[in-house]
């Protein structure tokens, strides 16, 4: 049996931002990459959100073949031709069995 199997790898890239923000940024999608903001609270005189980094997650799809041997059930049929009986025609009309 030879069936295609889907294989998916994930690459995680950490990008340092270190920039003050007023609110936590939303998770967003850019093409095949999912960007998840990571924020940190820093106490100064007031509390501020610092965009610490972004996680960039990219999906890559590959197809691999994984041939395997499987056992299937099998059935054999033998057909034999037998010669006709000599009295077959006579027995049908007379009612003799």
N, C-alpha and C. Protein backbone atom coordinates (compact mmCIF):
# COMPACT_ATOMS: atom_id res chain seq x y z
N UNK A 1 0.86 -1.16 0.00
CA UNK A 1 0.00 0.00 0.00
C UNK A 1 0.91 1.23 0.00
N UNK A 2 0.59 2.21 -0.82
CA UNK A 2 1.42 3.41 -0.94
C UNK A 2 0.50 4.62 -0.87
N UNK A 3 0.36 5.22 0.31
CA UNK A 3 -0.53 6.36 0.51
C UNK A 3 0.28 7.59 0.89
N UNK A 4 -0.07 8.78 0.37
CA UNK A 4 0.65 10.00 0.77
C UNK A 4 0.28 10.39 2.21
N UNK A 5 1.30 10.79 2.97
CA UNK A 5 1.09 11.22 4.35
C UNK A 5 1.53 12.67 4.47
N UNK A 6 0.79 13.48 5.22
CA UNK A 6 1.10 14.90 5.40
C UNK A 6 1.99 15.06 6.62
N UNK A 7 3.05 15.83 6.47
CA UNK A 7 3.99 16.10 7.55
C UNK A 7 4.12 17.61 7.69
N UNK A 8 4.01 18.12 8.90
CA UNK A 8 4.04 19.56 9.12
C UNK A 8 5.13 19.91 10.13
N UNK A 9 6.02 20.86 9.77
CA UNK A 9 7.04 21.38 10.68
C UNK A 9 6.65 22.79 11.09
N UNK A 10 7.07 23.20 12.27
CA UNK A 10 6.81 24.55 12.75
C UNK A 10 8.15 25.20 13.10
N UNK A 11 8.35 26.41 12.63
CA UNK A 11 9.56 27.17 12.94
C UNK A 11 9.17 28.34 13.83
N UNK A 12 9.82 28.50 14.98
CA UNK A 12 9.53 29.59 15.91
C UNK A 12 10.73 30.54 15.89
N UNK A 13 10.48 31.81 15.59
CA UNK A 13 11.53 32.83 15.55
C UNK A 13 11.18 33.90 16.58
N UNK A 14 12.13 34.23 17.44
CA UNK A 14 11.92 35.26 18.46
C UNK A 14 12.55 36.56 17.96
N UNK A 15 11.73 37.63 17.89
CA UNK A 15 12.20 38.92 17.40
C UNK A 15 12.09 39.93 18.54
N UNK A 16 13.24 40.46 19.00
CA UNK A 16 13.24 41.44 20.10
C UNK A 16 12.69 42.77 19.59
N UNK A 17 11.77 43.39 20.36
CA UNK A 17 11.16 44.67 19.99
C UNK A 17 11.55 45.74 21.02
N UNK A 18 11.34 45.47 22.33
CA UNK A 18 11.66 46.38 23.43
C UNK A 18 11.19 47.82 23.16
N UNK A 19 9.91 47.97 22.94
CA UNK A 19 9.31 49.26 22.60
C UNK A 19 8.08 49.47 23.50
N UNK A 20 7.95 50.67 24.12
CA UNK A 20 6.76 50.91 24.96
C UNK A 20 5.49 50.94 24.12
N UNK A 21 4.41 50.37 24.68
CA UNK A 21 3.10 50.39 24.02
C UNK A 21 2.06 50.78 25.05
N UNK A 22 0.94 51.33 24.61
CA UNK A 22 -0.12 51.73 25.53
C UNK A 22 -1.10 50.59 25.82
N UNK A 23 -1.19 49.62 24.93
CA UNK A 23 -2.07 48.46 25.11
C UNK A 23 -1.39 47.25 24.48
N UNK A 24 -1.77 46.10 24.96
CA UNK A 24 -1.18 44.85 24.42
C UNK A 24 -1.61 44.68 22.96
N UNK A 25 -0.66 44.51 22.05
CA UNK A 25 -1.00 44.28 20.64
C UNK A 25 -1.76 42.96 20.46
N UNK A 26 -2.59 42.90 19.43
CA UNK A 26 -3.37 41.71 19.12
C UNK A 26 -2.51 40.68 18.39
N UNK A 27 -2.88 39.43 18.54
CA UNK A 27 -2.26 38.37 17.74
C UNK A 27 -2.67 38.62 16.29
N UNK A 28 -1.73 38.46 15.35
CA UNK A 28 -2.05 38.73 13.95
C UNK A 28 -1.40 37.70 13.04
N UNK A 29 -1.90 37.64 11.82
CA UNK A 29 -1.43 36.71 10.80
C UNK A 29 -0.84 37.52 9.66
N UNK A 30 0.39 37.20 9.26
CA UNK A 30 1.02 37.82 8.09
C UNK A 30 1.44 36.70 7.15
N UNK A 31 0.64 36.47 6.11
CA UNK A 31 0.91 35.35 5.18
C UNK A 31 0.75 34.04 5.91
N UNK A 32 1.80 33.20 5.89
CA UNK A 32 1.78 31.90 6.57
C UNK A 32 2.29 32.01 8.01
N UNK A 33 2.61 33.22 8.47
CA UNK A 33 3.23 33.41 9.79
C UNK A 33 2.22 33.98 10.78
N UNK A 34 2.09 33.32 11.93
CA UNK A 34 1.27 33.78 13.04
C UNK A 34 2.17 34.55 13.99
N UNK A 35 1.82 35.80 14.32
CA UNK A 35 2.65 36.64 15.18
C UNK A 35 1.92 36.83 16.51
N UNK A 36 2.57 36.39 17.59
CA UNK A 36 2.02 36.48 18.93
C UNK A 36 2.88 37.46 19.74
N UNK A 37 2.34 38.64 20.09
CA UNK A 37 3.10 39.60 20.87
C UNK A 37 3.30 39.11 22.32
N UNK A 38 4.47 39.36 22.87
CA UNK A 38 4.77 39.03 24.27
C UNK A 38 5.07 40.36 24.97
N UNK A 39 4.29 40.69 26.00
CA UNK A 39 4.49 41.96 26.70
C UNK A 39 4.99 41.71 28.12
N UNK A 40 5.63 42.73 28.67
CA UNK A 40 6.17 42.69 30.01
C UNK A 40 5.76 43.98 30.71
N UNK A 41 5.35 43.90 31.96
CA UNK A 41 5.04 45.11 32.72
C UNK A 41 6.31 45.57 33.44
N UNK A 42 6.61 46.87 33.28
CA UNK A 42 7.78 47.44 33.91
C UNK A 42 7.31 48.58 34.81
N UNK A 43 7.74 48.57 36.05
CA UNK A 43 7.35 49.62 36.99
C UNK A 43 8.35 50.77 36.90
N UNK A 44 7.85 51.91 36.46
CA UNK A 44 8.66 53.12 36.42
C UNK A 44 8.02 54.01 37.48
N UNK A 45 7.50 55.15 37.14
CA UNK A 45 6.67 55.93 38.03
C UNK A 45 5.23 55.50 37.77
N UNK A 46 5.01 55.05 36.60
CA UNK A 46 3.71 54.52 36.22
C UNK A 46 3.93 53.18 35.52
N UNK A 47 2.89 52.44 35.45
CA UNK A 47 3.00 51.14 34.80
C UNK A 47 2.85 51.31 33.30
N UNK A 48 3.77 50.70 32.52
CA UNK A 48 3.74 50.75 31.06
C UNK A 48 3.88 49.33 30.51
N UNK A 49 3.28 49.16 29.37
CA UNK A 49 3.47 47.89 28.67
C UNK A 49 4.65 48.03 27.73
N UNK A 50 5.56 47.10 27.78
CA UNK A 50 6.71 47.08 26.88
C UNK A 50 6.53 45.85 25.99
N UNK A 51 6.51 46.10 24.69
CA UNK A 51 6.45 44.97 23.75
C UNK A 51 7.82 44.33 23.74
N UNK A 52 7.92 43.24 24.45
CA UNK A 52 9.21 42.59 24.66
C UNK A 52 9.69 41.86 23.42
N UNK A 53 8.84 41.09 22.82
CA UNK A 53 9.22 40.33 21.63
C UNK A 53 7.97 39.85 20.93
N UNK A 54 8.14 39.29 19.74
CA UNK A 54 7.07 38.65 18.99
C UNK A 54 7.52 37.24 18.66
N UNK A 55 6.59 36.33 18.74
CA UNK A 55 6.85 34.96 18.28
C UNK A 55 6.32 34.86 16.87
N UNK A 56 7.13 34.45 15.95
CA UNK A 56 6.71 34.29 14.56
C UNK A 56 6.70 32.80 14.26
N UNK A 57 5.50 32.28 14.04
CA UNK A 57 5.32 30.85 13.82
C UNK A 57 4.91 30.63 12.37
N UNK A 58 5.74 29.89 11.64
CA UNK A 58 5.50 29.62 10.23
C UNK A 58 5.27 28.13 10.04
N UNK A 59 4.21 27.78 9.31
CA UNK A 59 3.91 26.38 9.02
C UNK A 59 4.47 26.00 7.65
N UNK A 60 5.08 24.85 7.60
CA UNK A 60 5.56 24.30 6.34
C UNK A 60 4.98 22.91 6.17
N UNK A 61 4.35 22.65 5.03
CA UNK A 61 3.72 21.35 4.77
C UNK A 61 4.59 20.58 3.78
N UNK A 62 4.83 19.32 4.09
CA UNK A 62 5.51 18.43 3.16
C UNK A 62 4.73 17.13 3.09
N UNK A 63 4.78 16.48 1.96
CA UNK A 63 4.12 15.20 1.78
C UNK A 63 5.19 14.13 1.60
N UNK A 64 5.07 13.05 2.36
CA UNK A 64 6.02 11.94 2.25
C UNK A 64 5.25 10.68 1.92
N UNK A 65 5.91 9.77 1.27
CA UNK A 65 5.29 8.47 0.97
C UNK A 65 5.92 7.44 1.90
N UNK A 66 5.09 6.57 2.43
CA UNK A 66 5.55 5.55 3.36
C UNK A 66 4.98 4.20 2.93
N UNK A 67 5.61 3.57 1.90
CA UNK A 67 5.09 2.28 1.42
C UNK A 67 5.13 1.22 2.52
N UNK A 68 4.07 0.43 2.62
CA UNK A 68 3.99 -0.64 3.61
C UNK A 68 3.42 -1.89 2.96
N UNK A 69 3.82 -3.04 3.46
CA UNK A 69 3.32 -4.32 2.97
C UNK A 69 2.18 -4.75 3.88
N UNK A 70 1.05 -5.11 3.26
CA UNK A 70 -0.10 -5.57 4.03
C UNK A 70 -0.54 -6.92 3.48
N UNK A 71 -1.09 -7.77 4.36
CA UNK A 71 -1.56 -9.09 3.95
C UNK A 71 -3.05 -8.99 3.62
N UNK A 72 -3.41 -9.46 2.44
CA UNK A 72 -4.80 -9.44 2.01
C UNK A 72 -5.34 -10.87 2.00
N UNK A 73 -6.65 -11.05 2.20
CA UNK A 73 -7.25 -12.37 2.13
C UNK A 73 -7.37 -12.78 0.67
N UNK A 74 -7.33 -14.08 0.42
CA UNK A 74 -7.36 -14.58 -0.94
C UNK A 74 -8.26 -15.80 -0.98
N UNK A 75 -8.94 -15.99 -2.09
CA UNK A 75 -9.84 -17.13 -2.25
C UNK A 75 -9.62 -17.71 -3.64
N UNK A 76 -9.46 -19.05 -3.73
CA UNK A 76 -9.27 -19.74 -5.00
C UNK A 76 -10.53 -20.52 -5.32
N UNK A 77 -10.91 -20.55 -6.59
CA UNK A 77 -12.09 -21.29 -7.03
C UNK A 77 -11.65 -22.31 -8.08
N UNK A 78 -12.09 -23.56 -7.93
CA UNK A 78 -11.79 -24.61 -8.91
C UNK A 78 -13.12 -25.06 -9.52
N UNK A 79 -13.25 -24.98 -10.84
CA UNK A 79 -14.46 -25.36 -11.54
C UNK A 79 -14.19 -26.66 -12.29
N UNK A 80 -15.01 -27.68 -12.03
CA UNK A 80 -14.86 -28.97 -12.71
C UNK A 80 -16.07 -29.20 -13.60
N UNK A 81 -15.86 -29.62 -14.82
CA UNK A 81 -16.94 -29.98 -15.72
C UNK A 81 -17.13 -31.49 -15.63
N UNK A 82 -18.32 -31.94 -15.21
CA UNK A 82 -18.61 -33.37 -15.09
C UNK A 82 -19.37 -33.83 -16.35
N UNK A 83 -19.13 -35.02 -16.78
CA UNK A 83 -19.86 -35.52 -17.95
C UNK A 83 -21.33 -35.71 -17.60
N UNK A 84 -22.25 -35.50 -18.56
CA UNK A 84 -23.68 -35.66 -18.27
C UNK A 84 -24.00 -37.13 -17.99
N UNK A 85 -25.04 -37.33 -17.16
CA UNK A 85 -25.48 -38.69 -16.86
C UNK A 85 -26.16 -39.26 -18.11
N UNK A 86 -26.07 -40.57 -18.29
CA UNK A 86 -26.65 -41.20 -19.49
C UNK A 86 -28.18 -41.17 -19.46
N UNK A 87 -28.80 -41.32 -18.31
CA UNK A 87 -30.25 -41.40 -18.21
C UNK A 87 -30.89 -40.07 -17.82
N UNK A 88 -30.20 -38.98 -17.93
CA UNK A 88 -30.69 -37.68 -17.46
C UNK A 88 -31.94 -37.25 -18.22
N UNK A 89 -31.99 -37.40 -19.58
CA UNK A 89 -33.15 -36.98 -20.36
C UNK A 89 -34.36 -37.88 -20.10
N UNK A 90 -34.16 -39.15 -20.00
CA UNK A 90 -35.24 -40.10 -19.81
C UNK A 90 -35.87 -39.96 -18.42
N UNK A 91 -35.06 -39.65 -17.38
CA UNK A 91 -35.56 -39.58 -16.01
C UNK A 91 -36.44 -38.35 -15.82
N UNK A 92 -36.19 -37.26 -16.52
CA UNK A 92 -36.95 -36.02 -16.34
C UNK A 92 -38.38 -36.21 -16.81
N UNK A 93 -38.64 -36.80 -17.96
CA UNK A 93 -39.98 -36.95 -18.50
C UNK A 93 -40.78 -38.02 -17.80
N UNK A 94 -40.16 -39.03 -17.23
CA UNK A 94 -40.92 -40.13 -16.62
C UNK A 94 -41.23 -39.94 -15.16
N UNK A 95 -40.64 -38.95 -14.55
CA UNK A 95 -40.87 -38.70 -13.12
C UNK A 95 -40.06 -39.62 -12.25
N UNK A 96 -39.12 -40.40 -12.79
CA UNK A 96 -38.26 -41.29 -12.00
C UNK A 96 -37.10 -40.48 -11.45
N UNK A 97 -36.83 -40.71 -10.20
CA UNK A 97 -35.71 -39.96 -9.57
C UNK A 97 -34.59 -40.89 -9.25
